[in-house]
Amino acid sequence: MDNTTHTDHEVLGPFGAPVPASEEQAQLRSDELNLFDATAVAVSSVAPAYSLASTLAYVFIALGVSAVFGPSVIVVSFIPVLFVAIAYFHLNRRDPDCGASYSWLSKVIHPFVGWFNGWVQVATSAIFCISASILAGQYTLQLFNSLGWINSATASSVWYTSLIGIAWLVLITSMCVYGIRWTTNFQWILVIIEYSVVILFSLWGIYKAVFTHPAGSTGFHLSWLNPFEVTSWSALAAGIALGVFFFWGWDTAVNLNEETKNRTHTPGHAGILAMFLLLVVFLINFVSVEMLIPQKVIEAQGSNILFYYAEHVFGTWAGYVMIFAVITSTVATTQTTLLPASRITLSMARDKVFPHVFARIHPKFQTPAVGIITLACFTTVGIILNSGSPSVNSIIGRLILDIGVLVAFYYGMTGIACGWAYRKVAFKKFSFFFTGVLLPFLSGLFLLYVCYEVIVSNGWGEAIPILVTLGLGIPLALVARFTTKGDFFKVKPIAYDSIEEPESIEESQQAPVAV
């Protein structure tokens, strides 16, 4: 029997073994975020103003003749993602690791699958930061043009858009490096701005459509919320993939678990709370836009739809306010996408299956500074490469659906992993069987099927970015497998033997039941 005791300051390695004091490294700043902070980060990561600006028109385009039922896509997308959020809660309370989905899949399914899923998340984050930075540049130039500071040709220039996007990226990267508290305080400011603008404009838009009946407006119909009215399953699947993109980002709170108070509960609660808040915001805005603006106009406006919508609600001056809200929202979500990506690569590097440089923690700021900067550099290269596109809208429209499919993939894998991890205790509690096993598992399968349907429906040519991202993960995982000197790829998968959380973090890092 092992009578060894662990002191409070002792550091544990990736498999629960104590790390010698001589090998200890600087750690992330613990107990820094409370529930309100974590929720602010979660909802800011989703960034409704950005999501609506970049994606709303493309949902209507994807649905085609069924575009009138756009709000139903939000409802359908919400359900499986909600149960994935619940899956994150259950898995995090057993094993609060900043690698989150990567770490859990490695332990409960297979190390190779976990590594692959981690790669998909990091790659998706990099692709997203590219599109978000470009959109931030586009809206910044649009604001300057509206104020008369630059001409229309400059405002529509892809090169100038890229330069402004890179400038924003440098600013938020610096803040991420400087510390999680500074980053969170900045997120609070941005959240208040964007949510106030989006909610106020949406409610007033509904009021205007109902009581003043401007040209082109229509009344609300309950059928808009009925997904069964959509005539094409492939169109609905594409809409759901975009809907998943709408909700993507709440899991940032879970990736910050090692920096959060009560890290076994607070991050998961923040993610679930964020989901319900976002459902309300998105539904109100979708309904408001559809009541006030004809479908063809929505599709024609593309990523300019919120600017156009704001002017219809309050007048020309409101367009400036909405542009500013979208800029703040885009900056916020770009910053909060760097956060989880850098924590995932940190976790992978700690497990010695990713370049060691990503495991370096800044001794003063207590952030994975090198990883953050490296990811920002990759994003910068991506922005430059995309600057050769003929228009900004074509870049954004192409990347958004790709990101939605990739997010649906790794969310789906996590939902399946939760059901599989708790299979041995599935029937110990009736309610847990549904919320912790069956519904997360089915939601995961549903999201994976959406990925398949979108790829097949759109054709293999359109799916090249998705296939390349997924395809690269296989040889890279094999390289990690055969170059890793540690035991990561040799550890047998586990199944949880209890639905109760461990009494200590150290206990959670031990394998409950080897399969």
Protein backbone atom coordinates (compact mmCIF):
# COMPACT_ATOMS: atom_id res chain seq x y z
CA MET A 1 0.00 0.00 0.00
CA ASP A 2 1.27 3.45 -0.87
CA ASN A 3 1.41 5.64 2.24
CA THR A 4 2.91 8.61 0.41
CA THR A 5 1.20 11.91 1.14
CA HIS A 6 1.17 14.92 -1.13
CA THR A 7 1.82 18.38 0.24
CA ASP A 8 -0.42 21.28 -0.78
CA HIS A 9 2.26 22.83 -2.99
CA GLU A 10 3.23 19.63 -4.74
CA VAL A 11 2.73 19.68 -8.51
CA LEU A 12 1.22 16.67 -10.27
CA GLY A 13 2.17 15.52 -13.73
CA PRO A 14 -0.26 14.60 -16.53
CA PHE A 15 -1.02 11.16 -15.06
CA GLY A 16 -1.23 12.11 -11.39
CA ALA A 17 2.41 11.38 -10.52
CA PRO A 18 4.19 14.04 -8.45
CA VAL A 19 6.72 16.17 -10.31
CA PRO A 20 10.10 16.64 -8.57
CA ALA A 21 10.61 20.15 -7.24
CA SER A 22 13.57 20.60 -9.55
CA GLU A 23 11.30 20.08 -12.57
CA GLU A 24 8.40 22.25 -11.44
CA GLN A 25 7.49 25.10 -13.81
CA ALA A 26 5.50 28.28 -13.37
CA GLN A 27 1.76 27.59 -13.15
CA LEU A 28 -1.31 29.39 -14.46
CA ARG A 29 -2.74 31.95 -12.03
CA SER A 30 -5.29 29.96 -10.02
CA ASP A 31 -8.58 31.10 -8.37
CA GLU A 32 -8.67 34.27 -10.45
CA LEU A 33 -12.17 34.07 -11.99
CA ASN A 34 -15.55 33.74 -10.28
CA LEU A 35 -18.87 32.61 -11.80
CA PHE A 36 -19.68 36.07 -13.16
CA ASP A 37 -16.23 36.39 -14.72
CA ALA A 38 -16.45 32.94 -16.27
CA THR A 39 -19.94 33.63 -17.63
CA ALA A 40 -18.79 36.96 -19.06
CA VAL A 41 -15.94 35.20 -20.83
CA ALA A 42 -18.31 32.49 -22.11
CA VAL A 43 -20.90 34.87 -23.58
CA SER A 44 -18.17 37.17 -24.87
CA SER A 45 -16.54 34.23 -26.63
CA VAL A 46 -19.77 33.59 -28.50
CA ALA A 47 -20.00 37.33 -29.27
CA PRO A 48 -23.59 37.70 -30.55
CA ALA A 49 -22.93 40.94 -32.45
CA TYR A 50 -20.06 39.30 -34.32
CA SER A 51 -21.98 36.05 -34.89
CA LEU A 52 -25.02 37.88 -36.21
CA ALA A 53 -22.99 40.20 -38.41
CA SER A 54 -20.93 37.42 -39.95
CA THR A 55 -23.48 34.62 -40.15
CA LEU A 56 -27.11 35.79 -40.07
CA ALA A 57 -27.41 36.43 -43.82
CA TYR A 58 -25.71 33.12 -44.65
CA VAL A 59 -28.30 31.20 -42.60
CA PHE A 60 -31.04 32.62 -44.79
CA ILE A 61 -29.00 31.86 -47.91
CA ALA A 62 -28.40 28.26 -46.78
CA LEU A 63 -32.10 27.69 -46.13
CA GLY A 64 -33.06 28.98 -49.61
CA VAL A 65 -36.82 28.84 -50.14
CA SER A 66 -37.26 27.89 -46.48
CA ALA A 67 -35.40 30.98 -45.25
CA VAL A 68 -38.51 32.30 -43.52
CA PHE A 69 -37.93 29.59 -40.89
CA GLY A 70 -34.50 30.96 -39.96
CA PRO A 71 -35.35 31.31 -36.23
CA SER A 72 -36.07 27.57 -36.10
CA VAL A 73 -32.41 26.90 -36.90
CA ILE A 74 -31.41 28.64 -33.68
CA VAL A 75 -33.79 26.44 -31.67
CA VAL A 76 -32.65 23.20 -33.32
CA SER A 77 -28.97 24.11 -32.98
CA PHE A 78 -29.43 25.06 -29.33
CA ILE A 79 -30.70 21.65 -28.19
CA PRO A 80 -27.72 19.40 -29.04
CA VAL A 81 -25.19 22.08 -28.11
CA LEU A 82 -26.91 22.54 -24.74
CA PHE A 83 -26.49 18.84 -23.94
CA VAL A 84 -22.87 19.04 -25.06
CA ALA A 85 -22.49 21.93 -22.59
CA ILE A 86 -23.97 19.67 -19.91
CA ALA A 87 -21.51 16.97 -20.98
CA TYR A 88 -18.69 19.48 -20.46
CA PHE A 89 -20.03 20.13 -16.96
CA HIS A 90 -20.08 16.44 -16.02
CA LEU A 91 -16.64 15.73 -17.48
CA ASN A 92 -15.09 18.86 -15.97
CA ARG A 93 -16.28 18.09 -12.46
CA ARG A 94 -14.46 14.76 -12.70
CA ASP A 95 -11.32 16.08 -14.38
CA PRO A 96 -10.80 19.87 -14.48
CA ASP A 97 -7.98 20.17 -17.01
CA CYS A 98 -7.42 23.26 -19.20
CA GLY A 99 -7.19 20.90 -22.18
CA ALA A 100 -10.88 20.02 -21.55
CA SER A 101 -12.19 17.96 -24.48
CA TYR A 102 -8.68 16.97 -25.57
CA SER A 103 -7.83 15.66 -22.12
CA TRP A 104 -11.14 13.88 -21.54
CA LEU A 105 -11.24 12.07 -24.87
CA SER A 106 -7.63 10.97 -24.38
CA LYS A 107 -8.57 9.29 -21.10
CA VAL A 108 -12.05 7.88 -21.74
CA ILE A 109 -11.88 6.89 -25.44
CA HIS A 110 -8.27 6.68 -26.65
CA PRO A 111 -5.16 8.92 -26.49
CA PHE A 112 -5.02 9.03 -30.30
CA VAL A 113 -8.64 10.24 -30.51
CA GLY A 114 -7.99 12.84 -27.81
CA TRP A 115 -4.92 14.18 -29.62
CA PHE A 116 -6.85 14.35 -32.90
CA ASN A 117 -9.72 16.22 -31.24
CA GLY A 118 -7.26 18.64 -29.64
CA TRP A 119 -5.75 19.32 -33.06
CA VAL A 120 -9.20 20.01 -34.55
CA GLN A 121 -9.96 22.53 -31.81
CA VAL A 122 -6.66 24.37 -32.20
CA ALA A 123 -6.93 24.41 -36.00
CA THR A 124 -10.54 25.63 -35.80
CA SER A 125 -9.50 28.41 -33.44
CA ALA A 126 -6.75 29.51 -35.82
CA ILE A 127 -9.15 29.55 -38.78
CA PHE A 128 -11.68 31.49 -36.74
CA CYS A 129 -9.14 34.08 -35.60
CA ILE A 130 -8.34 34.67 -39.26
CA SER A 131 -11.98 35.31 -40.22
CA ALA A 132 -12.72 37.34 -37.07
CA SER A 133 -9.66 39.56 -37.51
CA ILE A 134 -10.64 40.19 -41.13
CA LEU A 135 -14.18 41.12 -40.06
CA ALA A 136 -12.81 43.45 -37.37
CA GLY A 137 -10.71 45.14 -40.07
CA GLN A 138 -13.69 45.38 -42.40
CA TYR A 139 -15.97 47.01 -39.84
CA THR A 140 -13.24 49.36 -38.64
CA LEU A 141 -12.72 50.63 -42.18
CA GLN A 142 -16.47 50.83 -42.67
CA LEU A 143 -16.72 53.03 -39.58
CA PHE A 144 -13.90 55.27 -40.86
CA ASN A 145 -15.66 55.52 -44.22
CA SER A 146 -18.97 56.43 -42.57
CA LEU A 147 -17.21 59.20 -40.66
CA GLY A 148 -15.66 60.49 -43.89
CA TRP A 149 -12.08 59.71 -42.90
CA ILE A 150 -11.43 57.36 -45.85
CA ASN A 151 -13.04 56.78 -49.25
CA SER A 152 -15.11 53.76 -50.29
CA ALA A 153 -12.27 52.20 -52.32
CA THR A 154 -10.03 52.12 -49.26
CA ALA A 155 -12.84 50.80 -47.07
CA SER A 156 -13.39 47.85 -49.43
CA SER A 157 -9.70 47.08 -49.91
CA VAL A 158 -8.81 43.55 -48.83
CA TRP A 159 -5.22 44.60 -48.14
CA TYR A 160 -6.19 47.48 -45.84
CA THR A 161 -8.74 45.23 -44.17
CA SER A 162 -5.99 42.69 -43.51
CA LEU A 163 -3.63 45.33 -42.08
CA ILE A 164 -6.25 46.66 -39.67
CA GLY A 165 -7.17 43.10 -38.70
CA ILE A 166 -3.53 42.34 -37.90
CA ALA A 167 -3.32 45.53 -35.81
CA TRP A 168 -6.31 44.40 -33.74
CA LEU A 169 -4.73 40.95 -33.38
CA VAL A 170 -1.51 42.46 -32.01
CA LEU A 171 -3.48 44.45 -29.41
CA ILE A 172 -5.54 41.54 -28.09
CA THR A 173 -2.57 39.17 -28.15
CA SER A 174 -0.63 41.58 -25.95
CA MET A 175 -3.52 41.68 -23.50
CA CYS A 176 -3.82 37.86 -23.42
CA VAL A 177 -0.11 37.62 -22.64
CA TYR A 178 -0.29 40.25 -19.92
CA GLY A 179 -2.75 38.34 -17.75
CA ILE A 180 -6.14 36.68 -17.40
CA ARG A 181 -7.46 39.40 -15.05
CA TRP A 182 -6.71 42.18 -17.53
CA THR A 183 -8.25 40.11 -20.29
CA THR A 184 -11.40 39.41 -18.25
CA ASN A 185 -11.86 43.06 -17.24
CA PHE A 186 -11.55 44.03 -20.90
CA GLN A 187 -14.15 41.37 -21.76
CA TRP A 188 -16.59 42.82 -19.22
CA ILE A 189 -16.45 46.19 -20.97
CA LEU A 190 -16.94 44.67 -24.42
CA VAL A 191 -19.80 42.41 -23.25
CA ILE A 192 -21.75 45.31 -21.77
CA ILE A 193 -21.38 47.36 -24.96
CA GLU A 194 -22.37 44.69 -27.46
CA TYR A 195 -25.21 43.11 -25.47
CA SER A 196 -26.77 46.47 -24.68
CA VAL A 197 -26.74 47.48 -28.34
CA VAL A 198 -27.95 44.15 -29.77
CA ILE A 199 -30.79 43.68 -27.26
CA LEU A 200 -31.97 47.29 -27.41
CA PHE A 201 -31.95 47.40 -31.21
CA SER A 202 -33.67 44.02 -31.48
CA LEU A 203 -36.50 44.91 -29.11
CA TRP A 204 -37.03 48.28 -30.76
CA GLY A 205 -37.02 46.62 -34.19
CA ILE A 206 -39.85 44.32 -33.09
CA TYR A 207 -41.76 47.29 -31.65
CA LYS A 208 -41.34 49.22 -34.90
CA ALA A 209 -42.51 46.30 -37.06
CA VAL A 210 -45.57 45.70 -34.88
CA PHE A 211 -46.74 49.30 -34.37
CA THR A 212 -45.45 51.38 -37.31
CA HIS A 213 -45.46 48.77 -40.12
CA PRO A 214 -42.60 50.16 -42.26
CA ALA A 215 -42.42 49.10 -45.91
CA GLY A 216 -41.26 45.49 -46.32
CA SER A 217 -42.02 44.53 -42.71
CA THR A 218 -44.18 41.59 -41.68
CA GLY A 219 -45.82 40.17 -38.58
CA PHE A 220 -44.39 37.39 -36.44
CA HIS A 221 -45.51 33.84 -37.23
CA LEU A 222 -45.12 30.97 -34.76
CA SER A 223 -44.25 28.66 -37.66
CA TRP A 224 -40.88 30.45 -37.92
CA LEU A 225 -39.83 28.37 -34.91
CA ASN A 226 -40.86 25.05 -36.48
CA PRO A 227 -37.91 23.25 -38.14
CA PHE A 228 -40.23 20.66 -39.68
CA GLU A 229 -41.42 23.37 -42.08
CA VAL A 230 -37.98 23.41 -43.75
CA THR A 231 -38.43 21.51 -47.01
CA SER A 232 -34.85 20.28 -47.47
CA TRP A 233 -32.85 18.28 -44.93
CA SER A 234 -29.54 19.28 -46.56
CA ALA A 235 -30.54 22.95 -46.26
CA LEU A 236 -31.52 22.44 -42.61
CA ALA A 237 -28.21 20.63 -41.94
CA ALA A 238 -26.25 23.56 -43.39
CA GLY A 239 -28.35 25.92 -41.28
CA ILE A 240 -27.69 23.84 -38.16
CA ALA A 241 -23.93 23.90 -38.84
CA LEU A 242 -24.15 27.69 -39.00
CA GLY A 243 -26.34 27.62 -35.88
CA VAL A 244 -23.67 25.62 -34.04
CA PHE A 245 -21.22 28.34 -35.04
CA PHE A 246 -23.59 30.88 -33.47
CA PHE A 247 -23.33 29.15 -30.10
CA TRP A 248 -19.66 28.22 -30.33
CA GLY A 249 -17.43 29.70 -27.65
CA TRP A 250 -19.12 29.06 -24.29
CA ASP A 251 -16.56 26.26 -23.70
CA THR A 252 -13.84 28.89 -23.27
CA ALA A 253 -15.00 29.11 -19.65
CA VAL A 254 -14.15 25.42 -19.21
CA ASN A 255 -10.71 25.80 -20.80
CA LEU A 256 -10.02 28.43 -18.12
CA ASN A 257 -10.92 26.00 -15.31
CA GLU A 258 -7.41 25.99 -13.83
CA GLU A 259 -7.68 29.78 -13.39
CA THR A 260 -11.21 29.70 -11.94
CA LYS A 261 -12.48 29.46 -8.37
CA ASN A 262 -14.21 26.15 -7.59
CA ARG A 263 -12.92 24.84 -10.88
CA THR A 264 -14.91 21.60 -10.76
CA HIS A 265 -18.25 23.43 -10.88
CA THR A 266 -17.98 27.11 -11.83
CA PRO A 267 -16.71 26.68 -15.44
CA GLY A 268 -19.42 24.15 -16.33
CA HIS A 269 -22.16 26.25 -14.76
CA ALA A 270 -20.91 29.30 -16.66
CA GLY A 271 -21.10 27.44 -19.97
CA ILE A 272 -24.68 26.25 -19.39
CA LEU A 273 -25.82 29.67 -18.15
CA ALA A 274 -24.25 31.31 -21.21
CA MET A 275 -26.18 28.97 -23.52
CA PHE A 276 -29.57 30.12 -22.21
CA LEU A 277 -28.60 33.79 -22.30
CA LEU A 278 -27.44 33.41 -25.88
CA LEU A 279 -30.60 31.59 -26.98
CA VAL A 280 -32.71 34.55 -25.87
CA VAL A 281 -30.45 37.12 -27.55
CA PHE A 282 -30.22 35.25 -30.86
CA LEU A 283 -33.94 34.49 -31.08
CA ILE A 284 -34.92 38.09 -30.38
CA ASN A 285 -32.55 39.38 -33.04
CA PHE A 286 -33.47 36.78 -35.66
CA VAL A 287 -37.19 37.50 -35.21
CA SER A 288 -36.62 41.25 -35.22
CA VAL A 289 -34.56 41.20 -38.42
CA GLU A 290 -37.02 38.91 -40.18
CA MET A 291 -40.01 41.05 -39.18
CA LEU A 292 -38.39 44.29 -40.33
CA ILE A 293 -36.37 43.38 -43.45
CA PRO A 294 -37.39 41.33 -46.50
CA GLN A 295 -35.51 38.06 -47.04
CA LYS A 296 -33.91 39.07 -50.34
CA VAL A 297 -32.48 42.22 -48.78
CA ILE A 298 -31.03 40.19 -45.89
CA GLU A 299 -29.28 37.84 -48.30
CA ALA A 300 -27.96 40.70 -50.45
CA GLN A 301 -26.44 42.55 -47.50
CA GLY A 302 -24.20 39.66 -46.39
CA SER A 303 -21.96 40.63 -43.47
CA ASN A 304 -23.29 44.22 -43.67
CA ILE A 305 -26.76 43.13 -42.54
CA LEU A 306 -26.54 44.46 -38.96
CA PHE A 307 -25.38 47.87 -40.20
CA TYR A 308 -28.29 47.98 -42.64
CA TYR A 309 -30.69 46.72 -39.97
CA ALA A 310 -29.57 49.31 -37.40
CA GLU A 311 -30.22 52.15 -39.84
CA HIS A 312 -33.73 50.83 -40.45
CA VAL A 313 -34.40 50.68 -36.73
CA PHE A 314 -33.14 54.07 -35.56
CA GLY A 315 -31.69 55.94 -38.53
CA THR A 316 -28.24 56.68 -39.95
CA TRP A 317 -26.61 57.42 -36.61
CA ALA A 318 -27.53 53.94 -35.36
CA GLY A 319 -25.40 52.40 -38.09
CA TYR A 320 -22.32 53.91 -36.46
CA VAL A 321 -23.34 52.49 -33.08
CA MET A 322 -23.89 49.03 -34.53
CA ILE A 323 -20.56 49.09 -36.37
CA PHE A 324 -18.86 49.97 -33.08
CA ALA A 325 -20.73 47.14 -31.31
CA VAL A 326 -19.66 44.64 -33.96
CA ILE A 327 -16.05 45.84 -33.74
CA THR A 328 -16.02 45.38 -29.95
CA SER A 329 -17.75 42.01 -30.30
CA THR A 330 -15.30 40.81 -32.93
CA VAL A 331 -12.30 41.92 -30.93
CA ALA A 332 -13.75 40.20 -27.85
CA THR A 333 -14.37 36.87 -29.56
CA THR A 334 -10.97 36.88 -31.27
CA GLN A 335 -9.31 37.40 -27.91
CA THR A 336 -11.37 34.71 -26.19
CA THR A 337 -10.56 32.28 -29.01
CA LEU A 338 -6.85 32.70 -28.41
CA LEU A 339 -7.42 31.85 -24.74
CA PRO A 340 -8.75 28.27 -25.11
CA ALA A 341 -6.42 27.45 -28.00
CA SER A 342 -3.40 28.41 -25.92
CA ARG A 343 -4.70 26.39 -22.94
CA ILE A 344 -5.31 23.31 -25.10
CA THR A 345 -1.80 23.44 -26.54
CA LEU A 346 -0.49 24.02 -23.00
CA SER A 347 -2.22 20.85 -21.81
CA MET A 348 -0.95 18.88 -24.81
CA ALA A 349 2.58 20.16 -24.27
CA ARG A 350 2.42 19.24 -20.57
CA ASP A 351 1.53 15.72 -21.69
CA LYS A 352 4.64 15.86 -23.91
CA VAL A 353 2.65 15.25 -27.10
CA PHE A 354 3.02 18.78 -28.48
CA PRO A 355 6.11 21.00 -28.87
CA HIS A 356 7.45 21.84 -25.42
CA VAL A 357 7.52 25.55 -26.18
CA PHE A 358 3.73 25.65 -25.73
CA ALA A 359 4.10 24.51 -22.11
CA ARG A 360 6.10 27.56 -21.08
CA ILE A 361 4.32 29.77 -18.56
CA HIS A 362 5.44 33.37 -18.18
CA PRO A 363 6.84 33.56 -14.62
CA LYS A 364 5.38 37.03 -13.95
CA PHE A 365 2.11 37.10 -15.91
CA GLN A 366 1.38 33.39 -15.33
CA THR A 367 0.01 32.94 -18.86
CA PRO A 368 1.12 30.56 -21.66
CA ALA A 369 2.72 33.55 -23.37
CA VAL A 370 4.82 31.70 -25.95
CA GLY A 371 1.84 29.60 -27.05
CA ILE A 372 -0.39 32.67 -27.37
CA ILE A 373 2.18 34.54 -29.46
CA THR A 374 2.84 31.49 -31.65
CA LEU A 375 -0.86 31.04 -32.38
CA ALA A 376 -1.17 34.75 -33.16
CA CYS A 377 1.72 34.44 -35.64
CA PHE A 378 -0.02 31.56 -37.44
CA THR A 379 -3.19 33.66 -37.57
CA THR A 380 -1.27 36.58 -39.06
CA VAL A 381 0.09 34.34 -41.81
CA GLY A 382 -3.46 33.14 -42.53
CA ILE A 383 -4.74 36.71 -42.79
CA ILE A 384 -1.98 37.58 -45.25
CA LEU A 385 -2.68 34.50 -47.36
CA ASN A 386 -6.38 35.33 -47.51
CA SER A 387 -5.65 38.91 -48.59
CA GLY A 388 -5.49 37.66 -52.18
CA SER A 389 -9.24 36.97 -52.18
CA PRO A 390 -11.32 39.19 -54.49
CA SER A 391 -13.60 40.40 -51.65
CA VAL A 392 -13.88 40.38 -47.90
CA ASN A 393 -17.39 38.88 -47.93
CA SER A 394 -16.22 35.90 -49.98
CA ILE A 395 -13.53 35.17 -47.36
CA ILE A 396 -15.94 35.37 -44.44
CA GLY A 397 -18.74 33.41 -46.11
CA ARG A 398 -16.34 30.61 -47.05
CA LEU A 399 -14.75 30.28 -43.62
CA ILE A 400 -17.88 30.49 -41.43
CA LEU A 401 -19.50 27.25 -42.63
CA ASP A 402 -16.15 25.42 -42.45
CA ILE A 403 -15.74 26.51 -38.84
CA GLY A 404 -19.32 25.49 -38.00
CA VAL A 405 -18.70 21.96 -39.31
CA LEU A 406 -15.40 21.60 -37.40
CA VAL A 407 -17.02 22.86 -34.19
CA ALA A 408 -19.91 20.43 -34.64
CA PHE A 409 -17.30 17.67 -35.02
CA TYR A 410 -15.44 18.27 -31.77
CA TYR A 411 -18.61 19.10 -29.84
CA GLY A 412 -20.09 15.85 -31.16
CA MET A 413 -17.06 13.84 -30.09
CA THR A 414 -17.25 15.34 -26.59
CA GLY A 415 -20.94 14.51 -26.22
CA ILE A 416 -20.24 10.90 -27.21
CA ALA A 417 -17.27 10.77 -24.83
CA CYS A 418 -19.44 11.85 -21.88
CA GLY A 419 -22.00 9.11 -22.48
CA TRP A 420 -19.23 6.55 -22.92
CA ALA A 421 -17.28 7.69 -19.83
CA TYR A 422 -20.28 7.23 -17.51
CA ARG A 423 -21.67 4.06 -19.10
CA LYS A 424 -20.88 1.86 -16.07
CA VAL A 425 -22.91 4.10 -13.75
CA ALA A 426 -25.57 5.18 -16.24
CA PHE A 427 -28.47 3.68 -14.28
CA LYS A 428 -27.46 4.69 -10.76
CA LYS A 429 -29.65 7.79 -10.99
CA PHE A 430 -32.64 8.19 -13.31
CA SER A 431 -32.12 11.89 -14.09
CA PHE A 432 -28.40 11.42 -14.68
CA PHE A 433 -29.07 8.71 -17.26
CA PHE A 434 -30.74 11.33 -19.46
CA THR A 435 -28.62 14.42 -18.75
CA GLY A 436 -25.25 12.72 -18.32
CA VAL A 437 -25.38 9.75 -20.68
CA LEU A 438 -28.21 9.36 -23.20
CA LEU A 439 -28.86 12.95 -24.37
CA PRO A 440 -25.18 14.01 -24.58
CA PHE A 441 -24.44 10.80 -26.50
CA LEU A 442 -27.35 11.27 -28.94
CA SER A 443 -26.52 14.97 -29.34
CA GLY A 444 -22.96 14.01 -30.22
CA LEU A 445 -24.13 11.55 -32.87
CA PHE A 446 -26.53 14.14 -34.28
CA LEU A 447 -23.78 16.76 -34.62
CA LEU A 448 -21.45 14.29 -36.34
CA TYR A 449 -24.22 13.44 -38.78
CA VAL A 450 -24.70 17.16 -39.49
CA CYS A 451 -20.99 17.34 -40.36
CA TYR A 452 -21.36 14.45 -42.78
CA GLU A 453 -24.51 15.86 -44.37
CA VAL A 454 -23.00 19.31 -44.95
CA ILE A 455 -19.85 17.87 -46.53
CA VAL A 456 -21.79 15.53 -48.84
CA SER A 457 -24.44 18.10 -49.78
CA ASN A 458 -22.00 20.89 -50.60
CA GLY A 459 -19.64 18.62 -52.51
CA TRP A 460 -16.10 17.52 -51.76
CA GLY A 461 -14.64 20.56 -53.52
CA GLU A 462 -16.36 23.02 -51.19
CA ALA A 463 -15.33 20.89 -48.21
CA ILE A 464 -11.59 21.00 -48.96
CA PRO A 465 -10.71 23.25 -45.94
CA ILE A 466 -12.63 20.89 -43.65
CA LEU A 467 -11.12 17.76 -45.14
CA VAL A 468 -7.60 19.21 -45.08
CA THR A 469 -7.98 20.17 -41.41
CA LEU A 470 -9.29 16.72 -40.47
CA GLY A 471 -6.87 14.94 -42.80
CA LEU A 472 -3.81 16.72 -41.40
CA GLY A 473 -4.76 15.59 -37.92
CA ILE A 474 -4.16 11.92 -38.74
CA PRO A 475 -0.48 12.08 -39.82
CA LEU A 476 0.24 14.69 -37.13
CA ALA A 477 -1.26 12.40 -34.47
CA LEU A 478 0.87 9.53 -35.82
CA VAL A 479 3.97 11.72 -35.61
CA ALA A 480 3.10 12.56 -32.01
CA ARG A 481 2.50 8.88 -31.30
CA PHE A 482 5.88 7.70 -32.54
CA THR A 483 7.95 10.64 -31.28
CA THR A 484 6.49 10.83 -27.77
CA LYS A 485 8.80 9.36 -25.14
CA GLY A 486 6.31 9.38 -22.29
CA ASP A 487 3.40 7.07 -21.48
CA PHE A 488 0.62 9.19 -22.94
CA PHE A 489 -0.24 6.89 -25.85
CA LYS A 490 0.18 3.76 -23.72
CA VAL A 491 -2.43 4.58 -21.08
CA LYS A 492 -5.57 2.43 -21.24
CA PRO A 493 -8.96 4.18 -21.52
CA ILE A 494 -10.99 4.56 -18.33
CA ALA A 495 -14.66 4.51 -17.37
CA TYR A 496 -15.97 6.42 -14.36
CA ASP A 497 -17.18 4.25 -11.49
CA SER A 498 -19.21 6.97 -9.80
CA ILE A 499 -21.39 9.91 -10.78
CA GLU A 500 -20.08 11.81 -7.77
CA GLU A 501 -17.10 14.09 -8.16
CA PRO A 502 -13.74 13.14 -6.58
CA GLU A 503 -12.92 14.53 -3.15
CA SER A 504 -9.75 16.16 -4.48
CA ILE A 505 -8.15 17.23 -7.74
CA GLU A 506 -5.41 14.66 -7.18
CA GLU A 507 -8.02 11.89 -6.98
CA SER A 508 -9.60 13.06 -10.23
CA GLN A 509 -6.29 12.58 -12.01
CA GLN A 510 -6.20 8.90 -11.13
CA ALA A 511 -7.83 6.39 -13.48
CA PRO A 512 -11.11 5.25 -11.79
CA VAL A 513 -11.64 2.07 -13.77
CA ALA A 514 -9.33 0.84 -16.50
CA VAL A 515 -11.22 -0.65 -19.42
